Protein backbone atom coordinates (compact mmCIF):
# COMPACT_ATOMS: atom_id res chain seq x y z
CA MET A 1 198.22 195.79 157.94
CA SER A 2 201.03 198.16 158.73
CA ARG A 3 200.11 201.87 158.11
CA TYR A 4 202.38 204.99 158.05
CA ALA A 5 202.16 208.61 157.80
CA VAL A 6 204.08 210.73 155.05
CA VAL A 7 204.00 214.24 156.10
CA LEU A 8 204.83 216.68 153.57
CA ALA A 9 206.70 219.63 155.08
CA ALA A 10 209.01 220.63 152.15
CA GLY A 11 206.90 223.73 151.26
CA ARG A 12 208.54 227.03 151.02
CA GLY A 13 205.35 228.97 151.90
CA GLU A 14 205.82 231.76 149.64
CA ARG A 15 202.49 233.20 149.85
CA LEU A 16 203.13 233.64 153.71
CA TRP A 17 206.23 235.92 153.03
CA PRO A 18 207.79 237.50 155.31
CA LEU A 19 206.39 235.12 158.08
CA THR A 20 208.63 232.27 156.41
CA SER A 21 211.64 234.30 155.81
CA THR A 22 213.17 233.06 159.21
CA ARG A 23 211.37 229.49 159.62
CA PRO A 24 209.64 227.15 157.29
CA LYS A 25 205.89 227.13 157.24
CA PRO A 26 205.28 223.95 159.13
CA LEU A 27 207.16 225.63 162.00
CA LEU A 28 204.86 228.65 162.40
CA PRO A 29 204.19 229.15 166.08
CA LEU A 30 200.85 228.68 167.83
CA PRO A 31 199.53 229.61 171.02
CA GLY A 32 200.77 227.36 173.98
CA GLY A 33 203.99 226.73 172.20
CA GLY A 34 203.51 224.24 169.56
CA THR A 35 203.63 224.88 165.66
CA LEU A 36 201.65 223.70 162.84
CA LEU A 37 204.00 220.44 162.42
CA THR A 38 204.41 219.50 165.88
CA ARG A 39 200.49 219.94 166.40
CA LEU A 40 199.95 217.61 163.64
CA LEU A 41 202.43 215.00 164.83
CA GLY A 42 200.93 214.86 168.14
CA GLN A 43 197.34 214.07 166.57
CA LEU A 44 199.13 211.30 164.64
CA GLY A 45 199.98 209.32 167.68
CA GLY A 46 197.75 206.26 168.12
CA ILE A 47 196.73 206.71 164.47
CA VAL A 48 199.81 205.23 162.39
CA ASP A 49 202.66 203.06 163.21
CA GLY A 50 205.27 205.45 162.21
CA VAL A 51 205.51 208.94 160.25
CA VAL A 52 207.93 209.92 157.47
CA VAL A 53 208.50 213.76 157.22
CA VAL A 54 209.46 214.88 154.10
CA VAL A 55 211.58 218.12 154.22
CA ALA A 56 213.46 220.42 151.93
CA LYS A 57 217.07 220.49 151.26
CA GLY A 58 219.07 223.35 152.92
CA TRP A 59 218.27 225.62 155.96
CA ALA A 60 214.36 225.15 155.96
CA GLY A 61 214.57 221.09 156.04
CA GLU A 62 217.70 221.36 158.79
CA ALA A 63 215.38 223.51 161.00
CA VAL A 64 212.47 221.10 160.75
CA LYS A 65 214.64 218.42 161.96
CA LYS A 66 216.46 220.46 164.37
CA LEU A 67 212.99 221.48 166.06
CA LEU A 68 211.57 217.82 165.70
CA ASP A 69 214.60 216.03 167.35
CA GLN A 70 214.92 218.71 170.30
CA ARG A 71 211.23 217.91 171.10
CA GLY A 72 211.50 214.60 171.07
CA PHE A 73 209.49 213.28 168.14
CA THR A 74 210.43 209.90 166.75
CA VAL A 75 210.19 210.12 163.18
CA SER A 76 212.11 209.60 159.90
CA TYR A 77 213.06 212.21 157.34
CA ALA A 78 213.07 212.20 153.59
CA VAL A 79 214.78 215.15 151.92
CA GLN A 80 213.04 216.93 148.68
CA GLU A 81 216.33 217.92 146.68
CA GLU A 82 214.54 219.90 144.56
CA PRO A 83 211.42 221.88 144.72
CA ARG A 84 209.39 220.10 141.89
CA GLY A 85 205.81 219.98 143.61
CA THR A 86 203.85 217.86 145.75
CA GLY A 87 203.79 214.70 143.59
CA ASP A 88 207.57 214.71 143.75
CA ALA A 89 207.43 215.22 147.89
CA ALA A 90 204.98 212.44 147.87
CA ARG A 91 207.26 210.41 146.07
CA VAL A 92 210.26 211.04 147.76
CA GLY A 93 208.22 210.26 151.05
CA LEU A 94 207.06 206.87 149.98
CA ARG A 95 210.36 205.57 148.64
CA ALA A 96 211.56 206.19 152.12
CA LEU A 97 208.94 203.66 153.83
CA PRO A 98 209.62 200.39 154.96
CA ARG A 99 208.90 197.46 152.48
CA SER A 100 206.23 196.23 155.29
CA VAL A 101 204.37 199.46 154.89
CA ASP A 102 200.53 198.57 153.03
CA GLU A 103 198.98 201.79 153.50
CA VAL A 104 199.88 205.48 153.69
CA LEU A 105 198.20 208.19 155.54
CA LEU A 106 199.40 211.31 153.00
CA VAL A 107 198.97 214.72 154.83
CA ASN A 108 200.34 218.22 154.35
CA GLY A 109 202.12 219.39 157.05
CA ASP A 110 201.10 223.02 157.04
CA LEU A 111 197.35 222.15 157.82
CA LEU A 112 195.33 223.04 161.09
CA VAL A 113 193.20 220.08 161.40
CA SER A 114 190.93 218.35 164.28
CA ARG A 115 192.10 214.64 165.29
CA GLY A 116 188.83 213.65 164.32
CA LEU A 117 189.54 214.48 160.64
CA LEU A 118 192.55 212.23 160.93
CA GLU A 119 190.72 209.40 162.59
CA ALA A 120 187.84 209.30 159.98
CA VAL A 121 190.09 209.14 156.67
CA ALA A 122 192.34 206.45 158.49
CA SER A 123 189.29 204.30 159.62
CA ALA A 124 187.94 204.31 155.89
CA GLU A 125 188.50 201.76 153.16
CA ALA A 126 191.58 202.76 151.12
CA PRO A 127 191.85 205.06 148.96
CA ALA A 128 190.03 207.66 150.66
CA LEU A 129 190.27 211.73 151.18
CA ALA A 130 188.59 213.79 153.63
CA ALA A 131 186.72 216.61 152.36
CA VAL A 132 185.02 219.68 154.15
CA PRO A 133 182.29 222.25 153.05
CA SER A 134 183.97 225.66 152.59
CA GLU A 135 182.28 229.42 152.09
CA ARG A 136 184.93 229.98 149.95
CA PRO A 137 185.53 226.78 147.74
CA TRP A 138 186.69 228.66 144.66
CA GLU A 139 189.97 229.19 146.70
CA TYR A 140 190.58 225.62 147.08
CA GLY A 141 190.36 222.32 145.05
CA VAL A 142 186.56 221.41 144.50
CA VAL A 143 185.52 217.74 145.35
CA GLU A 144 182.99 216.09 143.03
CA ALA A 145 181.41 212.64 144.49
CA ASN A 146 179.17 210.22 142.82
CA GLN A 147 176.01 209.34 144.73
CA GLN A 148 177.94 205.94 145.89
CA GLY A 149 180.55 208.51 147.77
CA CYS A 150 183.23 207.88 145.07
CA LEU A 151 185.72 210.50 143.93
CA GLN A 152 184.59 211.77 140.32
CA GLY A 153 186.65 214.69 140.21
CA LEU A 154 188.89 217.44 141.42
CA ARG A 155 188.23 221.14 140.13
CA GLU A 156 191.27 223.43 141.18
CA LYS A 157 189.67 226.68 142.01
CA PRO A 158 186.82 226.78 140.19
CA VAL A 159 185.47 230.48 139.67
CA ASP A 160 181.99 228.98 139.36
CA ALA A 161 182.03 227.04 142.74
CA LYS A 162 179.02 227.80 145.29
CA PRO A 163 179.57 228.27 148.66
CA GLY A 164 179.27 225.29 150.86
CA SER A 165 180.87 222.80 148.10
CA LEU A 166 183.22 220.35 149.18
CA VAL A 167 186.79 221.26 149.17
CA ASN A 168 189.83 219.13 149.18
CA THR A 169 191.45 218.77 152.68
CA GLY A 170 194.84 217.30 151.49
CA VAL A 171 194.71 214.22 153.67
CA TYR A 172 194.29 211.13 151.85
CA LEU A 173 194.59 207.49 152.67
CA VAL A 174 196.13 205.38 149.99
CA PRO A 175 197.37 201.99 148.95
CA ARG A 176 201.58 201.94 149.38
CA GLN A 177 202.20 199.92 146.22
CA ARG A 178 199.85 201.02 143.58
CA PHE A 179 200.21 204.83 144.68
CA GLU A 180 203.77 204.61 144.45
CA GLU A 181 203.46 203.30 141.05
CA LEU A 182 201.21 206.14 139.86
CA LEU A 183 203.50 208.65 141.59
CA GLU A 184 206.34 207.16 139.57
CA ASP A 185 204.71 207.79 136.45
CA LEU A 186 203.71 211.43 137.07
CA LYS A 187 204.36 213.92 134.20
CA PRO A 188 204.66 217.85 134.99
CA SER A 189 201.60 220.09 134.84
CA PRO A 190 201.05 222.95 132.83
CA ARG A 191 202.71 225.09 135.66
CA GLY A 192 205.84 222.68 135.28
CA GLU A 193 205.23 220.58 138.67
CA LEU A 194 204.40 217.36 139.65
CA GLU A 195 201.13 217.43 141.08
CA VAL A 196 200.16 214.94 143.79
CA THR A 197 196.40 215.24 142.89
CA ASP A 198 197.26 214.06 139.25
CA ALA A 199 197.82 210.77 141.00
CA ILE A 200 194.89 210.61 142.98
CA ALA A 201 192.99 211.29 139.81
CA ALA A 202 194.68 208.48 138.18
CA LEU A 203 193.66 206.18 141.21
CA ALA A 204 190.20 207.32 141.20
CA ALA A 205 189.79 206.21 137.43
CA GLU A 206 190.80 202.73 138.48
CA THR A 207 188.70 202.45 141.78
CA CYS A 208 186.19 203.65 143.94
CA PHE A 209 188.11 206.66 145.99
CA ARG A 210 185.88 207.35 148.94
CA VAL A 211 185.05 210.69 149.83
CA VAL A 212 184.76 210.93 153.48
CA GLU A 213 182.78 214.14 154.25
CA GLY A 214 182.87 216.05 157.65
CA ARG A 215 182.32 219.25 159.65
CA TRP A 216 185.57 219.01 161.35
CA LEU A 217 188.19 221.67 161.89
CA TRP A 218 190.32 222.40 158.86
CA MET A 219 192.45 225.56 157.69
CA ASP A 220 195.11 225.92 154.96
CA VAL A 221 197.41 228.69 156.43
CA GLY A 222 198.56 229.45 153.08
CA ARG A 223 198.10 233.40 153.21
CA PRO A 224 199.27 235.73 155.99
CA TRP A 225 195.99 236.75 157.53
CA GLU A 226 194.94 233.29 157.78
CA LEU A 227 197.45 232.60 160.36
CA ILE A 228 195.21 235.05 162.66
CA ASP A 229 192.28 232.78 161.99
CA ALA A 230 194.20 229.67 162.98
CA TYR A 231 195.43 231.42 166.31
CA LYS A 232 191.21 232.07 166.68
CA ALA A 233 190.67 228.50 166.18
CA VAL A 234 193.38 226.93 168.71
CA PHE A 235 192.16 229.45 171.20
CA MET A 236 188.53 227.99 170.99
CA GLU A 237 190.03 224.41 171.13
CA LYS A 238 192.24 225.23 174.26
CA MET A 239 189.80 227.43 176.32
CA GLU A 240 186.88 224.75 175.36
CA GLY A 241 184.01 227.36 175.76
CA ARG A 242 185.20 229.15 178.89
CA SER A 243 183.85 232.76 179.41
CA GLU A 244 185.98 233.79 182.26
CA PRO A 245 189.75 234.57 182.74
CA LEU A 246 192.11 231.88 183.33
CA VAL A 247 194.72 233.32 185.32
CA GLU A 248 198.09 231.10 185.70
CA GLY A 249 200.50 234.26 185.69
CA GLU A 250 200.66 237.35 187.44
CA VAL A 251 197.75 240.11 187.23
CA GLU A 252 198.92 243.53 189.00
CA PRO A 253 196.44 245.53 190.87
CA GLY A 254 194.34 247.75 188.55
CA ALA A 255 194.58 245.47 185.88
CA VAL A 256 191.06 244.46 184.33
CA LEU A 257 190.53 241.32 182.47
CA ARG A 258 186.85 240.93 180.80
CA GLY A 259 185.87 237.75 179.29
CA PRO A 260 187.82 234.75 178.12
CA VAL A 261 191.59 235.72 178.77
CA TYR A 262 194.09 233.24 179.25
CA VAL A 263 197.49 234.26 181.18
CA ALA A 264 200.06 231.65 180.85
CA PRO A 265 202.62 230.92 184.08
CA ASP A 266 205.34 233.30 183.01
CA ALA A 267 203.15 236.14 181.63
CA VAL A 268 202.35 239.51 183.37
CA VAL A 269 199.61 241.93 183.15
CA ARG A 270 200.74 245.03 184.61
CA GLY A 271 198.64 247.57 186.36
CA HIS A 272 195.94 249.69 184.71
CA THR A 273 196.09 247.23 181.86
CA VAL A 274 192.80 246.44 180.05
CA VAL A 275 192.30 243.34 178.39
CA GLU A 276 189.09 242.26 176.30
CA GLY A 277 188.71 238.57 175.67
CA PRO A 278 189.37 236.44 173.71
CA ALA A 279 193.09 237.25 174.37
CA TRP A 280 195.96 234.92 175.04
CA ILE A 281 198.95 236.32 176.95
CA GLU A 282 202.11 234.54 177.14
CA GLY A 283 204.16 237.54 177.37
CA GLU A 284 203.83 241.06 179.12
CA ALA A 285 200.96 243.64 178.49
CA GLY A 286 201.37 246.97 180.28
CA PRO A 287 201.08 249.21 182.16
CA LEU A 288 198.63 251.17 180.74
CA ALA A 289 197.76 248.94 177.55
CA ARG A 290 194.77 247.92 176.11
CA LEU A 291 194.30 244.46 174.45
CA ARG A 292 191.14 244.12 172.38
CA PRO A 293 189.51 240.80 171.23
CA TRP A 294 191.69 238.29 169.60
CA SER A 295 194.98 239.67 170.72
CA PHE A 296 197.88 237.00 171.02
CA LEU A 297 201.10 237.83 172.94
CA LEU A 298 203.66 234.71 172.58
CA GLU A 299 206.55 234.37 174.85
CA GLY A 300 208.77 237.07 175.50
CA SER A 301 206.39 239.49 173.64
CA ARG A 302 205.63 243.04 174.90
CA ALA A 303 202.64 245.33 174.47
CA GLY A 304 204.00 248.27 176.71
CA ALA A 305 202.54 251.56 177.89
CA HIS A 306 199.77 253.42 175.77
CA THR A 307 199.95 250.59 173.39
CA GLU A 308 196.66 249.06 171.39
CA VAL A 309 196.70 245.81 170.38
CA LYS A 310 193.55 244.37 168.52
CA ALA A 311 193.00 241.01 166.53
CA SER A 312 196.85 240.60 166.01
CA ILE A 313 199.57 238.30 167.05
CA LEU A 314 202.76 239.47 168.40
CA MET A 315 205.32 236.41 167.87
CA GLU A 316 208.17 235.23 170.31
CA GLY A 317 210.07 238.33 171.78
CA ALA A 318 208.05 240.79 169.37
CA LYS A 319 207.83 244.37 171.05
CA ALA A 320 205.32 247.09 170.58
CA PRO A 321 206.55 248.84 173.76
CA HIS A 322 205.09 252.65 173.60
CA LEU A 323 202.46 254.46 171.98
CA ASN A 324 201.82 251.75 169.36
CA TYR A 325 198.51 250.73 167.37
CA VAL A 326 198.66 246.91 166.16
CA GLY A 327 195.56 245.97 164.51
CA ASP A 328 194.55 242.91 162.60
CA SER A 329 198.65 242.54 162.15
CA VAL A 330 201.34 240.03 162.76
CA LEU A 331 204.59 240.99 164.14
CA GLY A 332 207.35 238.13 163.75
CA GLU A 333 209.70 237.16 166.25
CA GLN A 334 211.97 239.78 167.91
CA VAL A 335 210.19 242.77 165.92
CA ASN A 336 210.35 245.98 167.59
CA LEU A 337 208.28 249.16 166.70
CA GLY A 338 209.59 252.30 167.45
CA ALA A 339 207.32 254.78 169.90
CA GLY A 340 204.39 255.99 167.61
CA THR A 341 204.68 253.31 165.07
CA VAL A 342 201.05 252.46 164.04
CA THR A 343 199.61 249.84 161.46
CA ALA A 344 196.41 251.08 159.57
CA ASN A 345 193.92 248.52 159.10
CA LEU A 346 191.10 250.48 157.33
CA ARG A 347 190.91 252.11 153.86
CA PHE A 348 189.32 255.82 153.47
CA ASP A 349 186.86 254.01 151.02
CA HIS A 350 186.00 251.14 153.40
CA ALA A 351 187.10 248.64 150.50
CA THR A 352 188.33 245.14 151.20
CA VAL A 353 192.23 245.45 151.66
CA LYS A 354 194.46 244.05 148.69
CA MET A 355 197.86 242.51 148.97
CA THR A 356 200.75 241.37 146.47
CA LEU A 357 201.05 237.52 147.06
CA LYS A 358 203.80 236.06 144.80
CA GLY A 359 203.48 238.95 142.44
CA ARG A 360 199.92 239.17 141.92
CA ARG A 361 197.53 241.65 143.77
CA VAL A 362 194.93 239.19 145.74
CA ASP A 363 192.03 240.80 147.21
CA THR A 364 191.89 239.24 150.88
CA GLY A 365 188.07 240.02 151.31
CA ARG A 366 188.79 241.84 154.42
CA LYS A 367 187.57 245.32 154.84
CA LYS A 368 190.04 245.68 158.23
CA LEU A 369 193.63 244.19 157.65
CA GLY A 370 196.78 245.74 158.83
CA ALA A 371 200.54 244.86 158.14
CA PHE A 372 203.00 241.71 158.48
CA LEU A 373 206.44 242.10 159.47
CA GLY A 374 209.05 239.33 159.42
CA GLY A 375 211.36 238.47 162.24
CA TYR A 376 213.57 240.74 163.57
CA ALA A 377 212.37 243.63 161.52
CA GLN A 378 212.48 247.38 163.19
CA THR A 379 210.66 250.57 162.58
CA GLY A 380 211.71 253.89 163.85
CA VAL A 381 209.58 256.46 165.85
CA ASN A 382 206.23 257.57 164.45
CA VAL A 383 206.16 255.22 161.26
CA SER A 384 202.73 254.51 159.63
CA LEU A 385 202.19 251.15 158.06
CA LEU A 386 199.18 251.26 155.47
CA PRO A 387 196.98 248.23 155.13
CA GLY A 388 198.31 245.33 153.77
CA VAL A 389 201.78 246.34 153.95
CA ARG A 390 204.66 243.53 154.26
CA ILE A 391 208.01 244.62 156.04
CA GLY A 392 210.69 241.80 155.40
CA ALA A 393 212.77 240.11 157.65
CA TYR A 394 215.83 241.90 159.51
CA SER A 395 214.51 244.99 157.68
CA TRP A 396 214.50 248.79 159.22
CA VAL A 397 212.18 251.67 158.18
CA TYR A 398 213.40 255.03 158.66
CA PRO A 399 211.63 257.33 161.62
CA GLY A 400 208.32 259.33 160.46
CA LEU A 401 208.17 257.11 157.05
CA VAL A 402 204.50 256.20 155.52
CA VAL A 403 205.19 253.01 154.02
CA ALA A 404 202.54 251.95 151.41
CA ARG A 405 204.34 249.40 149.50
CA ASP A 406 206.34 246.10 150.75
CA VAL A 407 209.94 246.15 151.71
CA PRO A 408 212.29 243.14 150.99
CA ASP A 409 214.17 241.05 153.43
CA CYS A 410 217.13 242.54 154.84
CA SER A 411 216.41 246.31 153.45
CA PHE A 412 216.38 249.86 154.73
CA ALA A 413 213.43 251.78 153.74
CA ARG A 414 214.30 255.48 154.07
CA PRO A 415 213.16 258.62 152.33
CA GLY A 416 214.40 259.22 148.80
CA PRO A 417 213.82 261.89 146.08
CA GLU A 418 210.70 260.17 144.76
CA GLY A 419 209.02 258.88 148.19
CA VAL A 420 210.29 255.90 149.87
CA GLU A 421 213.56 254.45 148.64
CA VAL A 422 214.74 250.80 149.33
CA GLN A 423 218.41 249.95 150.09
CA SER A 424 220.25 246.87 150.49
CA LEU A 425 221.37 246.07 154.50
CA ARG A 426 223.51 243.40 153.17
CA ASP A 427 226.84 245.30 154.22
CA ARG A 428 225.74 246.87 157.47
CA ILE A 429 223.95 243.89 159.50
CA ASP A 430 224.52 239.87 159.73
CA CYS A 431 221.63 238.88 157.42
CA PRO A 432 220.96 235.18 156.99
CA GLY A 433 222.50 233.89 153.94
CA HIS A 434 219.64 232.09 152.52
CA LEU A 435 217.95 235.44 152.54
CA LEU A 436 220.55 237.01 150.66
CA ASP A 437 220.56 234.08 148.13
CA GLU A 438 216.95 234.59 147.56
CA ARG A 439 217.27 238.60 146.77
């Protein structure tokens, strides 16, 4: 029997804006040099006979192809011409399979999962799906199974779901021929998309669709703050319970490392810097910096003199070079903070922080949450970014500004007669064409 994986990697990741302005969601970096997608593809080795990756048409799909080819992955590609939903993406992927394929392991390409989850589903009798208990099931699709372990129903984000309920992981094992027929018959859902879960429900009405339960690592990295959680999970996995520093790079005299701290081969911890683990350093810290628990500095990044970082990610080449505070935040690649720029991460009333995602105000459920800056964004000196604010890729923030609202991609936030005024940078910088097209 021949089994292939179809990996759905065509999603735009709109809720993760601005982190997905300069790279598609599956290519978001992880500690250690991988991405969500490359990690997943590596885990599929030995489980399936081949892989088809479904990518979007345009810049995002080309970026996925380029990176996977550079890293030597042997996969086939299928292009989803229009963003018509997960059902359409799955249909495109199954059409690209060799005719000899009997079973398909269908996986969302932006998940952070353990190999054990993939193995458990792949070893089940098709059709099957993986389900895990969640403390916030109302944010996902809830799985209902009968006493025989067969799927009874999928409820999308039910408000009455109880903590600990099983949720759908987006990992399925399906018979190729029948599932392809069901995908071809899909009709648009009320939101106008073709939903893969409608095909799952149709197949479950015909036969026992097995629910494989477990407490594996599973994270749907769909919102900006969830990327920080994903980094924590990868750190725990890579450090394997270690409680002491692991130093492969340079630590200068006077620097202090406490607890589980990883210093990568090309990383430097300058003198009189204090690092409180858990922390992951691939870049440069200090001198005279403080890295508090869950700080992540990726390759080429820098937390410089008198800078404090806490529970935050500095992506490749991002710089908080002097007199900065970065708390519960993410700085995209090549971001540069002016001296004195700080991210506020706590409201006066200690209420949970709210953010605007795809035009809707969303309660993050977190009392501490900072800012999220897209790649190549820059701030002037003494800028204050209030909790939950997002700064678009390639955007600038004028010195001394207090920013309480999101700033779009390729924009200049500056003082105006009624507060912060936002102007386009279209004529001033070389902003990527896909960002200008989406404005």
